[in-house]
């Protein structure tokens, strides 16, 4: 079960209303890398975890924290929308608060649907989607996805930090930046510990190595116009898994035959050479 307290994890009080910025901040609620995504990602990873102990406890700890982040940012959005916009002079805007909100930069759904509050959507008003989350049951694969999610979230938070001079908003975002730093380091440490505990290797999943075509497990194919890829550490030497050897194939050749689709089912009416003359025959029958 979950228990809720009305106190926020960190304060969320802007200096002044700002409907335009409230719309931008929606990205940290319902965007692909927003707080709703990491909340549900970690919750489902925890619920999918088949191993009791430190890893499951860690996942559930941070998942529950992220619920609080959703509420914290949602509260900030609602406070940014308070009485906004307040300084519009056009008569049409003065006569219609919805138009005023839109012209002031507010997401119209914040005025029409949620009554001046946040919505579960991104900064363009696109609803949050459960397909954003990664919860595979493989902790190595999931923890790597978590590092990426926290990195993208911190990147967007940093950009939003530079889009406002509101000290109250910036104060909250400084906290968010710090938590994203902590969570990136946390997942990186958990990845190392999974390997130290012998639960997972650097390649996910740690299986089917004897089934895959080993001669292709270390080659990097040069498939673009750029030539500098071969200068990287992935072009030669031992791979991070300690087993495979890197090599860079500068002139790769295709290993398969020509791509061609099989003949279509005639009842699907796909255009193909088999259709030649069929239209004329059909017309002659009708006439």
Protein backbone atom coordinates (compact mmCIF):
# COMPACT_ATOMS: atom_id res chain seq x y z
CA UNK A 1 0.00 0.00 0.00
CA UNK A 2 1.01 3.62 -0.29
CA UNK A 3 0.65 6.27 2.40
CA UNK A 4 0.40 9.95 1.47
CA UNK A 5 1.46 12.98 3.42
CA UNK A 6 0.38 16.44 2.36
CA UNK A 7 3.88 17.87 2.81
CA UNK A 8 5.97 18.10 -0.34
CA UNK A 9 9.43 16.53 -0.52
CA UNK A 10 10.73 20.01 -1.41
CA UNK A 11 9.08 23.43 -1.61
CA UNK A 12 7.27 24.42 -4.82
CA UNK A 13 6.45 28.14 -4.64
CA UNK A 14 7.09 30.41 -7.61
CA UNK A 15 7.74 34.11 -7.14
CA UNK A 16 4.89 35.01 -9.51
CA UNK A 17 2.39 33.38 -11.88
CA UNK A 18 3.69 32.47 -15.32
CA UNK A 19 1.29 30.54 -17.55
CA UNK A 20 3.81 30.26 -20.37
CA UNK A 21 6.40 28.60 -18.15
CA UNK A 22 3.74 26.38 -16.59
CA UNK A 23 3.20 24.91 -20.03
CA UNK A 24 6.93 24.28 -20.44
CA UNK A 25 7.08 22.62 -17.03
CA UNK A 26 4.45 20.12 -18.14
CA UNK A 27 7.29 18.28 -19.90
CA UNK A 28 8.68 17.26 -16.51
CA UNK A 29 5.30 15.76 -15.59
CA UNK A 30 4.04 13.95 -18.68
CA UNK A 31 6.88 13.98 -21.17
CA UNK A 32 8.67 10.83 -22.31
CA UNK A 33 11.33 11.41 -19.65
CA UNK A 34 9.15 13.19 -17.12
CA UNK A 35 8.46 12.24 -13.53
CA UNK A 36 5.40 10.17 -14.42
CA UNK A 37 7.53 7.98 -16.65
CA UNK A 38 10.20 7.23 -14.06
CA UNK A 39 7.50 6.77 -11.39
CA UNK A 40 5.69 4.09 -13.36
CA UNK A 41 8.92 2.63 -14.74
CA UNK A 42 10.34 2.04 -11.28
CA UNK A 43 7.05 0.84 -9.83
CA UNK A 44 6.62 -1.80 -12.51
CA UNK A 45 10.28 -2.78 -12.26
CA UNK A 46 9.79 -3.29 -8.55
CA UNK A 47 6.58 -5.25 -9.01
CA UNK A 48 8.26 -7.36 -11.72
CA UNK A 49 11.35 -8.05 -9.61
CA UNK A 50 11.37 -11.74 -8.66
CA UNK A 51 14.13 -11.40 -6.08
CA UNK A 52 13.48 -10.08 -2.60
CA UNK A 53 16.22 -8.04 -0.98
CA UNK A 54 18.33 -4.96 -1.59
CA UNK A 55 17.62 -4.52 -5.30
CA UNK A 56 13.85 -4.70 -5.01
CA UNK A 57 13.92 -2.48 -1.92
CA UNK A 58 16.03 0.09 -3.77
CA UNK A 59 13.68 0.13 -6.75
CA UNK A 60 10.60 0.60 -4.56
CA UNK A 61 12.30 3.33 -2.50
CA UNK A 62 13.08 5.47 -5.54
CA UNK A 63 9.75 4.65 -7.21
CA UNK A 64 7.86 6.00 -4.23
CA UNK A 65 10.06 9.10 -4.16
CA UNK A 66 9.19 9.76 -7.79
CA UNK A 67 5.47 9.80 -6.95
CA UNK A 68 6.30 12.74 -4.71
CA UNK A 69 8.15 14.43 -7.56
CA UNK A 70 5.03 14.25 -9.72
CA UNK A 71 3.04 15.95 -6.97
CA UNK A 72 5.75 18.55 -6.36
CA UNK A 73 5.94 19.65 -9.99
CA UNK A 74 2.16 19.44 -10.41
CA UNK A 75 1.83 21.79 -7.44
CA UNK A 76 4.32 24.19 -9.00
CA UNK A 77 2.39 24.16 -12.30
CA UNK A 78 -0.87 24.94 -10.50
CA UNK A 79 0.75 27.84 -8.63
CA UNK A 80 2.29 29.20 -11.84
CA UNK A 81 -1.19 29.21 -13.37
CA UNK A 82 -2.75 31.18 -10.49
CA UNK A 83 -4.46 34.32 -11.85
CA UNK A 84 -2.46 34.04 -15.07
CA UNK A 85 -2.22 35.89 -17.34
CA UNK A 86 -2.80 39.16 -15.47
CA UNK A 87 -1.57 41.93 -17.76
CA UNK A 88 -3.24 41.46 -21.15
CA UNK A 89 -4.79 44.59 -22.62
CA UNK A 90 -6.56 43.44 -25.79
CA UNK A 91 -10.34 43.68 -25.43
CA UNK A 92 -10.92 40.21 -26.84
CA UNK A 93 -8.54 38.77 -24.29
CA UNK A 94 -10.13 40.75 -21.48
CA UNK A 95 -13.57 39.41 -22.42
CA UNK A 96 -12.58 35.74 -22.63
CA UNK A 97 -10.36 34.16 -19.95
CA UNK A 98 -9.77 31.09 -22.10
CA UNK A 99 -8.38 33.22 -24.93
CA UNK A 100 -6.39 35.13 -22.38
CA UNK A 101 -4.88 31.93 -21.08
CA UNK A 102 -3.94 30.69 -24.53
CA UNK A 103 -2.45 34.00 -25.64
CA UNK A 104 -0.57 34.17 -22.37
CA UNK A 105 1.12 30.90 -23.24
CA UNK A 106 -0.97 28.48 -21.19
CA UNK A 107 -1.83 25.08 -22.58
CA UNK A 108 -5.54 25.52 -23.41
CA UNK A 109 -6.27 22.19 -21.73
CA UNK A 110 -5.00 23.66 -18.50
CA UNK A 111 -7.86 26.13 -18.73
CA UNK A 112 -10.53 23.96 -20.36
CA UNK A 113 -9.93 20.48 -18.96
CA UNK A 114 -8.18 20.82 -15.62
CA UNK A 115 -9.57 24.17 -14.49
CA UNK A 116 -6.28 25.98 -14.11
CA UNK A 117 -4.24 23.00 -12.96
CA UNK A 118 -1.68 20.59 -14.39
CA UNK A 119 -2.57 17.81 -16.81
CA UNK A 120 -1.01 14.41 -17.33
CA UNK A 121 0.59 15.50 -20.58
CA UNK A 122 3.76 16.97 -22.02
CA UNK A 123 4.48 20.60 -22.94
CA UNK A 124 2.52 20.23 -26.19
CA UNK A 125 -0.54 18.80 -24.43
CA UNK A 126 0.12 15.26 -25.68
CA UNK A 127 -1.13 12.78 -23.04
CA UNK A 128 1.38 10.67 -21.15
CA UNK A 129 1.76 7.17 -22.56
CA UNK A 130 2.52 3.96 -20.69
CA UNK A 131 4.65 2.83 -23.62
CA UNK A 132 7.35 5.21 -22.36
CA UNK A 133 8.27 2.87 -19.51
CA UNK A 134 10.81 0.03 -19.47
CA UNK A 135 10.22 -2.83 -17.03
CA UNK A 136 11.58 -6.08 -18.46
CA UNK A 137 12.31 -8.12 -15.34
CA UNK A 138 16.03 -8.17 -16.26
CA UNK A 139 17.68 -5.87 -13.74
CA UNK A 140 20.77 -5.11 -15.82
CA UNK A 141 18.70 -4.08 -18.84
CA UNK A 142 16.30 -2.12 -16.64
CA UNK A 143 18.97 -0.32 -14.62
CA UNK A 144 20.68 0.81 -17.80
CA UNK A 145 17.38 2.16 -19.04
CA UNK A 146 17.04 3.94 -15.69
CA UNK A 147 20.40 5.67 -16.09
CA UNK A 148 19.29 6.91 -19.50
CA UNK A 149 15.92 8.08 -18.16
CA UNK A 150 17.54 10.01 -15.32
CA UNK A 151 20.11 11.51 -17.70
CA UNK A 152 17.42 12.70 -20.13
CA UNK A 153 15.31 13.99 -17.24
CA UNK A 154 18.25 15.92 -15.80
CA UNK A 155 19.06 17.33 -19.24
CA UNK A 156 15.53 18.64 -19.67
CA UNK A 157 15.49 20.01 -16.13
CA UNK A 158 18.75 21.85 -16.82
CA UNK A 159 17.28 23.38 -19.96
CA UNK A 160 14.15 24.46 -18.11
CA UNK A 161 16.31 25.94 -15.34
CA UNK A 162 17.82 28.31 -17.89
CA UNK A 163 14.40 29.28 -19.27
CA UNK A 164 13.29 31.13 -16.12
CA UNK A 165 14.63 33.71 -13.70
CA UNK A 166 11.96 32.91 -11.09
CA UNK A 167 13.93 32.18 -7.91
CA UNK A 168 11.18 29.99 -6.46
CA UNK A 169 11.01 27.82 -9.57
CA UNK A 170 14.78 27.65 -9.79
CA UNK A 171 14.99 26.65 -6.15
CA UNK A 172 12.79 23.62 -6.78
CA UNK A 173 14.67 22.75 -9.98
CA UNK A 174 17.97 22.83 -8.08
CA UNK A 175 16.54 20.10 -5.87
CA UNK A 176 15.38 18.13 -8.91
CA UNK A 177 18.80 18.42 -10.51
CA UNK A 178 20.43 17.10 -7.35
CA UNK A 179 18.04 14.14 -7.12
CA UNK A 180 18.66 13.28 -10.78
CA UNK A 181 22.39 13.36 -10.04
CA UNK A 182 21.89 11.05 -7.06
CA UNK A 183 19.71 8.66 -9.03
CA UNK A 184 22.11 8.43 -11.97
CA UNK A 185 24.95 7.59 -9.60
CA UNK A 186 22.70 5.16 -7.72
CA UNK A 187 21.76 3.18 -10.83
CA UNK A 188 25.36 3.16 -12.04
CA UNK A 189 26.43 1.74 -8.67
CA UNK A 190 23.64 -0.83 -8.81
CA UNK A 191 24.82 -1.93 -12.27
CA UNK A 192 28.32 -2.52 -10.90
CA UNK A 193 26.94 -4.41 -7.91
CA UNK A 194 24.83 -6.70 -10.08
CA UNK A 195 28.05 -7.82 -11.74
CA UNK A 196 29.98 -8.06 -8.48
CA UNK A 197 27.21 -10.24 -7.02
CA UNK A 198 27.40 -12.50 -10.07
CA UNK A 199 23.75 -11.91 -10.98
CA UNK A 200 24.32 -10.32 -14.38
CA UNK A 201 27.20 -9.72 -16.76
CA UNK A 202 27.86 -6.60 -18.82
CA UNK A 203 25.85 -8.01 -21.74
CA UNK A 204 22.11 -8.43 -21.25
CA UNK A 205 20.96 -11.11 -21.01
CA UNK A 206 23.97 -13.19 -20.01
CA UNK A 207 22.81 -16.10 -22.15
CA UNK A 208 22.96 -17.70 -25.62
CA UNK A 209 26.58 -16.74 -26.24
CA UNK A 210 27.19 -20.28 -27.51
CA UNK A 211 24.25 -19.91 -29.90
CA UNK A 212 25.04 -16.55 -31.48
CA UNK A 213 27.43 -16.27 -34.42
CA UNK A 214 30.54 -15.37 -32.45
CA UNK A 215 32.40 -14.04 -35.50
CA UNK A 216 29.93 -11.15 -35.60
CA UNK A 217 29.93 -10.41 -31.87
CA UNK A 218 32.84 -7.95 -31.98
CA UNK A 219 32.70 -6.38 -35.44
CA UNK A 220 31.68 -2.76 -35.92
CA UNK A 221 30.50 -2.08 -39.47
CA UNK A 222 31.40 1.15 -41.25
CA UNK A 223 28.03 1.97 -42.80
CA UNK A 224 28.18 5.76 -43.17
CA UNK A 225 30.15 8.43 -45.01
CA UNK A 226 32.08 9.42 -41.90
CA UNK A 227 35.52 7.87 -41.49
CA UNK A 228 36.34 8.80 -37.89
CA UNK A 229 34.42 5.97 -36.22
CA UNK A 230 37.43 3.70 -36.55
CA UNK A 231 39.38 6.04 -34.24
CA UNK A 232 37.32 5.09 -31.18
CA UNK A 233 38.10 2.56 -28.50
CA UNK A 234 35.33 0.35 -29.89
CA UNK A 235 37.30 -0.25 -33.11
CA UNK A 236 39.93 -2.59 -31.67
CA UNK A 237 40.97 -4.30 -28.47
CA UNK A 238 39.04 -6.25 -25.88
CA UNK A 239 35.35 -5.45 -25.52
CA UNK A 240 33.95 -4.35 -22.13
CA UNK A 241 32.62 -7.85 -21.49
CA UNK A 242 36.22 -9.10 -21.37
CA UNK A 243 35.42 -11.92 -23.77
CA UNK A 244 35.01 -10.50 -27.26
CA UNK A 245 37.53 -8.60 -29.39
CA UNK A 246 36.57 -5.49 -31.30
CA UNK A 247 37.36 -5.03 -34.97
CA UNK A 248 36.26 -2.34 -37.42
CA UNK A 249 35.05 -3.48 -40.83
CA UNK A 250 35.72 -0.57 -43.17
CA UNK A 251 34.21 -2.18 -46.28
CA UNK A 252 31.41 -4.43 -45.10
CA UNK A 253 29.63 -6.67 -47.56
CA UNK A 254 26.01 -7.80 -47.27
CA UNK A 255 25.70 -11.38 -46.05
CA UNK A 256 22.17 -12.04 -47.29
CA UNK A 257 20.48 -12.34 -50.64
CA UNK A 258 18.33 -9.75 -52.35
CA UNK A 259 15.35 -8.62 -50.36
CA UNK A 260 12.11 -9.60 -52.01
CA UNK A 261 8.64 -10.22 -50.68
CA UNK A 262 6.81 -13.45 -51.52
CA UNK A 263 3.89 -13.49 -53.92
CA UNK A 264 0.86 -11.88 -52.29
CA UNK A 265 -2.34 -13.62 -51.39
CA UNK A 266 -4.65 -12.70 -54.32
CA UNK A 267 -7.47 -11.95 -51.90
CA UNK A 268 -5.39 -9.15 -50.37
CA UNK A 269 -5.32 -7.36 -53.78
CA UNK A 270 -1.71 -6.21 -53.50
CA UNK A 271 -0.33 -4.81 -56.75
CA UNK A 272 2.02 -7.34 -58.38
CA UNK A 273 2.95 -8.74 -61.82
CA UNK A 274 0.30 -11.39 -61.29
CA UNK A 275 -2.29 -8.63 -61.74
CA UNK A 276 -1.32 -8.04 -65.38
CA UNK A 277 -4.36 -8.46 -67.60
CA UNK A 278 -6.73 -9.14 -64.71
CA UNK A 279 -8.39 -5.71 -64.96
CA UNK A 280 -8.99 -6.11 -68.70
CA UNK A 281 -10.45 -9.59 -68.17
CA UNK A 282 -12.74 -8.28 -65.43
CA UNK A 283 -13.95 -5.42 -67.63
CA UNK A 284 -14.64 -7.76 -70.55
CA UNK A 285 -16.74 -9.98 -68.27
CA UNK A 286 -18.78 -6.99 -67.11
CA UNK A 287 -19.39 -5.75 -70.65
